Amino acid sequence: MKKIKNSNNGLVQQEMKPDEIDKVRSDFMEDIFPDDESIKECGDLFALKKLTPKQIERKEKLSFEIVTRYGLKNGIWVKNLSHKQYHEALGKMRHDIATEYSCRTSLELMLADRIVASYWRAMKCDMIFNRLIDREDESFSYNQLKVNVLKEVNKGIELADRQLNTNMILLKELKQPQLNIRVKTDNAYLAQNQQVNINPTNKDENIKPN
């Protein structure tokens, strides 16, 4: 419903017409899903109260295609890193990271995905490593096969840790605001043993990182 002014400068409510609703929906979705006819088709199928078997099959196919096509935006790829019982946990981790660092661009979302993937792999390898070391009754048992497996699992932990640290650093640097320093002096000391000499003829200069 929308509000319009009447002749007495009051406010009255008027039902939006179907074509107006379609236009608002189209304008709103244009930047997010440009020229994606499959979304409109799928929406039309969901709007129908009764579907034929062929329409049901078509709706399911379109739904799958759309969800996977925009998997980077909706986080579906991260949720499918592991078994179904972990989908909710993985999605929550990805949501928290994307929210905390205000991830909006494709690159930022990719890094959020990689952080979750590296963290999940590291934790799974840690779990396997710890459970191989000792039994539930805290007894120990070793043979050459177990030693070899522990070595490989440990390599997986180290690799996942490196990837996790690298991706976290990249995301933090990407989200760090651009440094903009205004210098109003001939000599500016920014840190120990670092000096910036400014041309005396230009004592008001902006310094931006390359």
C-alpha atoms as a PDB file:
ATOM      1  CA  MET A   1       0.000   0.000   0.000  1.00  0.00           C
ATOM      2  CA  LYS A   2       1.165   3.547  -0.665  1.00  0.00           C
ATOM      3  CA  LYS A   3       0.101   6.911   0.682  1.00  0.00           C
ATOM      4  CA  ILE A   4      -1.051   9.782  -1.562  1.00  0.00           C
ATOM      5  CA  LYS A   5      -2.313  13.278  -0.826  1.00  0.00           C
ATOM      6  CA  ASN A   6      -5.958  14.098  -1.409  1.00  0.00           C
ATOM      7  CA  SER A   7      -7.472  17.483  -2.249  1.00  0.00           C
ATOM      8  CA  ASN A   8      -7.630  18.395   1.439  1.00  0.00           C
ATOM      9  CA  ASN A   9      -3.887  17.810   1.844  1.00  0.00           C
ATOM     10  CA  GLY A  10      -4.625  14.739   3.923  1.00  0.00           C
ATOM     11  CA  LEU A  11      -3.127  11.313   3.471  1.00  0.00           C
ATOM     12  CA  VAL A  12      -5.099   8.404   2.131  1.00  0.00           C
ATOM     13  CA  GLN A  13      -4.005   4.888   1.398  1.00  0.00           C
ATOM     14  CA  GLN A  14      -4.291   3.339  -2.029  1.00  0.00           C
ATOM     15  CA  GLU A  15      -3.637  -0.208  -3.140  1.00  0.00           C
ATOM     16  CA  MET A  16      -0.731  -0.534  -5.571  1.00  0.00           C
ATOM     17  CA  LYS A  17      -1.758  -1.976  -8.891  1.00  0.00           C
ATOM     18  CA  PRO A  18      -0.130  -5.217 -10.101  1.00  0.00           C
ATOM     19  CA  ASP A  19       1.749  -3.392 -12.875  1.00  0.00           C
ATOM     20  CA  GLU A  20       3.104  -0.922 -10.313  1.00  0.00           C
ATOM     21  CA  ILE A  21       4.277  -3.779  -8.106  1.00  0.00           C
ATOM     22  CA  ASP A  22       6.005  -5.387 -11.092  1.00  0.00           C
ATOM     23  CA  LYS A  23       7.729  -2.111 -11.932  1.00  0.00           C
ATOM     24  CA  VAL A  24       8.977  -1.628  -8.365  1.00  0.00           C
ATOM     25  CA  ARG A  25      10.230  -5.214  -8.285  1.00  0.00           C
ATOM     26  CA  SER A  26      11.920  -4.760 -11.656  1.00  0.00           C
ATOM     27  CA  ASP A  27      13.589  -1.485 -10.629  1.00  0.00           C
ATOM     28  CA  PHE A  28      14.737  -2.962  -7.334  1.00  0.00           C
ATOM     29  CA  MET A  29      16.208  -6.118  -8.845  1.00  0.00           C
ATOM     30  CA  GLU A  30      17.764  -4.506 -11.905  1.00  0.00           C
ATOM     31  CA  ASP A  31      21.154  -3.774 -10.331  1.00  0.00           C
ATOM     32  CA  ILE A  32      21.302  -7.100  -8.497  1.00  0.00           C
ATOM     33  CA  PHE A  33      20.190  -9.447 -11.260  1.00  0.00           C
ATOM     34  CA  PRO A  34      20.545  -7.578 -14.557  1.00  0.00           C
ATOM     35  CA  ASP A  35      18.579  -9.073 -17.450  1.00  0.00           C
ATOM     36  CA  ASP A  36      18.048 -12.425 -15.746  1.00  0.00           C
ATOM     37  CA  GLU A  37      14.872 -13.719 -17.340  1.00  0.00           C
ATOM     38  CA  SER A  38      15.072 -17.020 -15.421  1.00  0.00           C
ATOM     39  CA  ILE A  39      14.399 -15.175 -12.146  1.00  0.00           C
ATOM     40  CA  LYS A  40      11.230 -13.628 -13.543  1.00  0.00           C
ATOM     41  CA  GLU A  41      10.123 -16.998 -14.904  1.00  0.00           C
ATOM     42  CA  CYS A  42      10.795 -18.690 -11.585  1.00  0.00           C
ATOM     43  CA  GLY A  43       8.937 -15.944  -9.724  1.00  0.00           C
ATOM     44  CA  ASP A  44       5.945 -16.372 -11.998  1.00  0.00           C
ATOM     45  CA  LEU A  45       5.909 -20.110 -11.276  1.00  0.00           C
ATOM     46  CA  PHE A  46       6.057 -19.526  -7.516  1.00  0.00           C
ATOM     47  CA  ALA A  47       3.134 -17.118  -7.835  1.00  0.00           C
ATOM     48  CA  LEU A  48       0.908 -19.826  -9.318  1.00  0.00           C
ATOM     49  CA  LYS A  49      -1.318 -21.596  -6.819  1.00  0.00           C
ATOM     50  CA  LYS A  50      -1.542 -24.835  -8.780  1.00  0.00           C
ATOM     51  CA  LEU A  51       1.211 -26.221 -10.965  1.00  0.00           C
ATOM     52  CA  THR A  52       1.291 -28.980 -13.509  1.00  0.00           C
ATOM     53  CA  PRO A  53       3.938 -31.709 -13.068  1.00  0.00           C
ATOM     54  CA  LYS A  54       5.902 -30.117 -15.888  1.00  0.00           C
ATOM     55  CA  GLN A  55       5.746 -26.692 -14.221  1.00  0.00           C
ATOM     56  CA  ILE A  56       6.859 -28.183 -10.897  1.00  0.00           C
ATOM     57  CA  GLU A  57       9.860 -29.763 -12.609  1.00  0.00           C
ATOM     58  CA  ARG A  58      10.659 -26.485 -14.337  1.00  0.00           C
ATOM     59  CA  LYS A  59      10.382 -24.521 -11.057  1.00  0.00           C
ATOM     60  CA  GLU A  60      12.751 -26.892  -9.264  1.00  0.00           C
ATOM     61  CA  LYS A  61      15.255 -26.727 -12.111  1.00  0.00           C
ATOM     62  CA  LEU A  62      15.166 -22.920 -12.246  1.00  0.00           C
ATOM     63  CA  SER A  63      15.451 -22.652  -8.459  1.00  0.00           C
ATOM     64  CA  PHE A  64      18.590 -24.791  -8.469  1.00  0.00           C
ATOM     65  CA  GLU A  65      20.132 -22.869 -11.377  1.00  0.00           C
ATOM     66  CA  ILE A  66      19.474 -19.489  -9.758  1.00  0.00           C
ATOM     67  CA  VAL A  67      20.754 -20.496  -6.331  1.00  0.00           C
ATOM     68  CA  THR A  68      23.983 -21.911  -7.749  1.00  0.00           C
ATOM     69  CA  ARG A  69      24.456 -19.059 -10.231  1.00  0.00           C
ATOM     70  CA  TYR A  70      24.470 -16.550  -7.397  1.00  0.00           C
ATOM     71  CA  GLY A  71      26.267 -18.836  -4.953  1.00  0.00           C
ATOM     72  CA  LEU A  72      28.920 -16.228  -4.231  1.00  0.00           C
ATOM     73  CA  LYS A  73      26.247 -13.782  -3.087  1.00  0.00           C
ATOM     74  CA  ASN A  74      24.103 -16.196  -1.094  1.00  0.00           C
ATOM     75  CA  GLY A  75      26.950 -18.311   0.347  1.00  0.00           C
ATOM     76  CA  ILE A  76      25.725 -21.639  -1.033  1.00  0.00           C
ATOM     77  CA  TRP A  77      29.246 -22.775  -1.975  1.00  0.00           C
ATOM     78  CA  VAL A  78      30.491 -22.423   1.593  1.00  0.00           C
ATOM     79  CA  LYS A  79      27.508 -24.312   2.997  1.00  0.00           C
ATOM     80  CA  ASN A  80      28.339 -27.255   0.730  1.00  0.00           C
ATOM     81  CA  LEU A  81      31.932 -27.562   1.935  1.00  0.00           C
ATOM     82  CA  SER A  82      30.895 -30.438   4.151  1.00  0.00           C
ATOM     83  CA  HIS A  83      27.994 -32.743   4.929  1.00  0.00           C
ATOM     84  CA  LYS A  84      24.410 -31.578   5.300  1.00  0.00           C
ATOM     85  CA  GLN A  85      24.473 -31.528   9.096  1.00  0.00           C
ATOM     86  CA  TYR A  86      27.152 -28.816   8.989  1.00  0.00           C
ATOM     87  CA  HIS A  87      25.478 -26.531   6.420  1.00  0.00           C
ATOM     88  CA  GLU A  88      23.922 -24.260   9.032  1.00  0.00           C
ATOM     89  CA  ALA A  89      27.167 -23.879  10.992  1.00  0.00           C
ATOM     90  CA  LEU A  90      29.198 -23.095   7.869  1.00  0.00           C
ATOM     91  CA  GLY A  91      26.607 -20.588   6.699  1.00  0.00           C
ATOM     92  CA  LYS A  92      26.654 -18.891  10.117  1.00  0.00           C
ATOM     93  CA  MET A  93      30.448 -18.570  10.040  1.00  0.00           C
ATOM     94  CA  ARG A  94      30.367 -17.047   6.578  1.00  0.00           C
ATOM     95  CA  HIS A  95      27.552 -14.673   7.546  1.00  0.00           C
ATOM     96  CA  ASP A  96      29.428 -13.490  10.649  1.00  0.00           C
ATOM     97  CA  ILE A  97      32.642 -12.790   8.714  1.00  0.00           C
ATOM     98  CA  ALA A  98      30.829 -11.022   5.868  1.00  0.00           C
ATOM     99  CA  THR A  99      28.883  -8.923   8.384  1.00  0.00           C
ATOM    100  CA  GLU A 100      31.857  -8.068  10.584  1.00  0.00           C
ATOM    101  CA  TYR A 101      33.952  -6.886   7.639  1.00  0.00           C
ATOM    102  CA  SER A 102      31.026  -5.485   5.601  1.00  0.00           C
ATOM    103  CA  CYS A 103      31.847  -7.704   2.613  1.00  0.00           C
ATOM    104  CA  ARG A 104      29.970  -6.447  -0.446  1.00  0.00           C
ATOM    105  CA  THR A 105      32.142  -6.903  -3.524  1.00  0.00           C
ATOM    106  CA  SER A 106      32.789 -10.250  -5.201  1.00  0.00           C
ATOM    107  CA  LEU A 107      36.442 -10.185  -4.132  1.00  0.00           C
ATOM    108  CA  GLU A 108      35.532  -9.564  -0.488  1.00  0.00           C
ATOM    109  CA  LEU A 109      32.971 -12.371  -0.526  1.00  0.00           C
ATOM    110  CA  MET A 110      35.496 -14.722  -2.137  1.00  0.00           C
ATOM    111  CA  LEU A 111      37.955 -14.029   0.677  1.00  0.00           C
ATOM    112  CA  ALA A 112      35.222 -14.611   3.267  1.00  0.00           C
ATOM    113  CA  ASP A 113      34.539 -17.980   1.611  1.00  0.00           C
ATOM    114  CA  ARG A 114      38.227 -18.898   1.604  1.00  0.00           C
ATOM    115  CA  ILE A 115      38.592 -17.972   5.272  1.00  0.00           C
ATOM    116  CA  VAL A 116      35.719 -20.274   6.216  1.00  0.00           C
ATOM    117  CA  ALA A 117      37.072 -23.057   3.982  1.00  0.00           C
ATOM    118  CA  SER A 118      40.605 -22.841   5.409  1.00  0.00           C
ATOM    119  CA  TYR A 119      39.360 -22.642   8.984  1.00  0.00           C
ATOM    120  CA  TRP A 120      37.018 -25.605   8.499  1.00  0.00           C
ATOM    121  CA  ARG A 121      39.744 -27.744   6.942  1.00  0.00           C
ATOM    122  CA  ALA A 122      42.197 -26.846   9.708  1.00  0.00           C
ATOM    123  CA  MET A 123      39.683 -27.751  12.414  1.00  0.00           C
ATOM    124  CA  LYS A 124      38.736 -31.039  10.742  1.00  0.00           C
ATOM    125  CA  CYS A 125      42.408 -31.995  10.398  1.00  0.00           C
ATOM    126  CA  ASP A 126      42.995 -31.051  14.030  1.00  0.00           C
ATOM    127  CA  MET A 127      40.091 -33.249  15.073  1.00  0.00           C
ATOM    128  CA  ILE A 128      41.452 -36.222  13.114  1.00  0.00           C
ATOM    129  CA  PHE A 129      44.967 -35.634  14.457  1.00  0.00           C
ATOM    130  CA  ASN A 130      43.825 -35.458  18.089  1.00  0.00           C
ATOM    131  CA  ARG A 131      41.600 -38.512  17.830  1.00  0.00           C
ATOM    132  CA  LEU A 132      44.388 -40.538  16.257  1.00  0.00           C
ATOM    133  CA  ILE A 133      46.824 -39.678  19.040  1.00  0.00           C
ATOM    134  CA  ASP A 134      44.792 -41.157  21.855  1.00  0.00           C
ATOM    135  CA  ARG A 135      41.697 -43.255  22.261  1.00  0.00           C
ATOM    136  CA  GLU A 136      38.522 -42.300  24.065  1.00  0.00           C
ATOM    137  CA  ASP A 137      39.809 -44.047  27.201  1.00  0.00           C
ATOM    138  CA  GLU A 138      42.998 -41.916  26.902  1.00  0.00           C
ATOM    139  CA  SER A 139      45.167 -44.924  26.077  1.00  0.00           C
ATOM    140  CA  PHE A 140      47.796 -44.754  23.349  1.00  0.00           C
ATOM    141  CA  SER A 141      48.514 -47.016  20.428  1.00  0.00           C
ATOM    142  CA  TYR A 142      51.054 -46.394  17.642  1.00  0.00           C
ATOM    143  CA  ASN A 143      52.231 -48.230  14.580  1.00  0.00           C
ATOM    144  CA  GLN A 144      53.992 -47.131  11.403  1.00  0.00           C
ATOM    145  CA  LEU A 145      50.747 -46.679   9.505  1.00  0.00           C
ATOM    146  CA  LYS A 146      49.344 -44.364  12.177  1.00  0.00           C
ATOM    147  CA  VAL A 147      52.600 -42.396  12.291  1.00  0.00           C
ATOM    148  CA  ASN A 148      52.466 -41.904   8.512  1.00  0.00           C
ATOM    149  CA  VAL A 149      48.841 -40.763   8.683  1.00  0.00           C
ATOM    150  CA  LEU A 150      49.649 -38.323  11.502  1.00  0.00           C
ATOM    151  CA  LYS A 151      52.447 -36.818   9.408  1.00  0.00           C
ATOM    152  CA  GLU A 152      50.126 -36.262   6.444  1.00  0.00           C
ATOM    153  CA  VAL A 153      47.351 -34.836   8.612  1.00  0.00           C
ATOM    154  CA  ASN A 154      49.841 -32.491  10.267  1.00  0.00           C
ATOM    155  CA  LYS A 155      50.897 -31.243   6.827  1.00  0.00           C
ATOM    156  CA  GLY A 156      47.252 -30.545   6.087  1.00  0.00           C
ATOM    157  CA  ILE A 157      46.936 -28.539   9.312  1.00  0.00           C
ATOM    158  CA  GLU A 158      49.995 -26.441   8.499  1.00  0.00           C
ATOM    159  CA  LEU A 159      48.810 -25.756   4.943  1.00  0.00           C
ATOM    160  CA  ALA A 160      45.306 -24.811   6.094  1.00  0.00           C
ATOM    161  CA  ASP A 161      46.760 -22.504   8.766  1.00  0.00           C
ATOM    162  CA  ARG A 162      48.938 -20.702   6.203  1.00  0.00           C
ATOM    163  CA  GLN A 163      46.022 -20.246   3.835  1.00  0.00           C
ATOM    164  CA  LEU A 164      43.786 -19.055   6.673  1.00  0.00           C
ATOM    165  CA  ASN A 165      46.324 -16.472   7.840  1.00  0.00           C
ATOM    166  CA  THR A 166      46.963 -15.257   4.286  1.00  0.00           C
ATOM    167  CA  ASN A 167      43.268 -14.821   3.511  1.00  0.00           C
ATOM    168  CA  MET A 168      42.584 -13.040   6.811  1.00  0.00           C
ATOM    169  CA  ILE A 169      45.423 -10.597   6.165  1.00  0.00           C
ATOM    170  CA  LEU A 170      44.212  -9.966   2.601  1.00  0.00           C
ATOM    171  CA  LEU A 171      40.656  -9.243   3.753  1.00  0.00           C
ATOM    172  CA  LYS A 172      41.817  -6.924   6.544  1.00  0.00           C
ATOM    173  CA  GLU A 173      44.084  -5.014   4.151  1.00  0.00           C
ATOM    174  CA  LEU A 174      41.306  -4.819   1.566  1.00  0.00           C
ATOM    175  CA  LYS A 175      38.891  -3.343   4.113  1.00  0.00           C
ATOM    176  CA  GLN A 176      41.447  -0.963   5.601  1.00  0.00           C
ATOM    177  CA  PRO A 177      40.578   2.651   4.738  1.00  0.00           C
ATOM    178  CA  GLN A 178      42.929   4.452   2.375  1.00  0.00           C
ATOM    179  CA  LEU A 179      45.611   6.437   4.152  1.00  0.00           C
ATOM    180  CA  ASN A 180      45.509  10.154   3.382  1.00  0.00           C
ATOM    181  CA  ILE A 181      48.060  12.357   5.165  1.00  0.00           C
ATOM    182  CA  ARG A 182      48.112  16.138   4.925  1.00  0.00           C
ATOM    183  CA  VAL A 183      51.585  17.501   5.611  1.00  0.00           C
ATOM    184  CA  LYS A 184      52.076  21.165   6.485  1.00  0.00           C
ATOM    185  CA  THR A 185      55.763  21.258   7.225  1.00  0.00           C
ATOM    186  CA  ASP A 186      59.091  21.083   5.435  1.00  0.00           C
ATOM    187  CA  ASN A 187      60.101  17.876   7.219  1.00  0.00           C
ATOM    188  CA  ALA A 188      57.740  15.204   8.556  1.00  0.00           C
ATOM    189  CA  TYR A 189      58.913  12.201  10.588  1.00  0.00           C
ATOM    190  CA  LEU A 190      56.405   9.375  10.114  1.00  0.00           C
ATOM    191  CA  ALA A 191      58.286   6.661  11.984  1.00  0.00           C
ATOM    192  CA  GLN A 192      61.695   5.858  13.308  1.00  0.00           C
ATOM    193  CA  ASN A 193      64.378   6.598  10.694  1.00  0.00           C
ATOM    194  CA  GLN A 194      61.733   7.537   8.109  1.00  0.00           C
ATOM    195  CA  GLN A 195      61.574  11.108   6.887  1.00  0.00           C
ATOM    196  CA  VAL A 196      59.560  12.884   4.228  1.00  0.00           C
ATOM    197  CA  ASN A 197      61.090  16.038   2.787  1.00  0.00           C
ATOM    198  CA  ILE A 198      58.548  18.359   1.246  1.00  0.00           C
ATOM    199  CA  ASN A 199      59.437  20.943  -1.358  1.00  0.00           C
ATOM    200  CA  PRO A 200      59.439  24.294   0.499  1.00  0.00           C
ATOM    201  CA  THR A 201      57.477  25.832  -2.360  1.00  0.00           C
ATOM    202  CA  ASN A 202      54.622  23.467  -1.688  1.00  0.00           C
ATOM    203  CA  LYS A 203      54.016  23.195   2.054  1.00  0.00           C
ATOM    204  CA  ASP A 204      50.527  21.814   1.800  1.00  0.00           C
ATOM    205  CA  GLU A 205      50.592  18.417   0.133  1.00  0.00           C
ATOM    206  CA  ASN A 206      48.509  15.264   0.297  1.00  0.00           C
ATOM    207  CA  ILE A 207      50.453  12.027   0.471  1.00  0.00           C
ATOM    208  CA  LYS A 208      48.641   8.933  -0.702  1.00  0.00           C
ATOM    209  CA  PRO A 209      49.984   5.398  -0.793  1.00  0.00           C
ATOM    210  CA  ASN A 210      50.767   3.857  -4.139  1.00  0.00           C
END
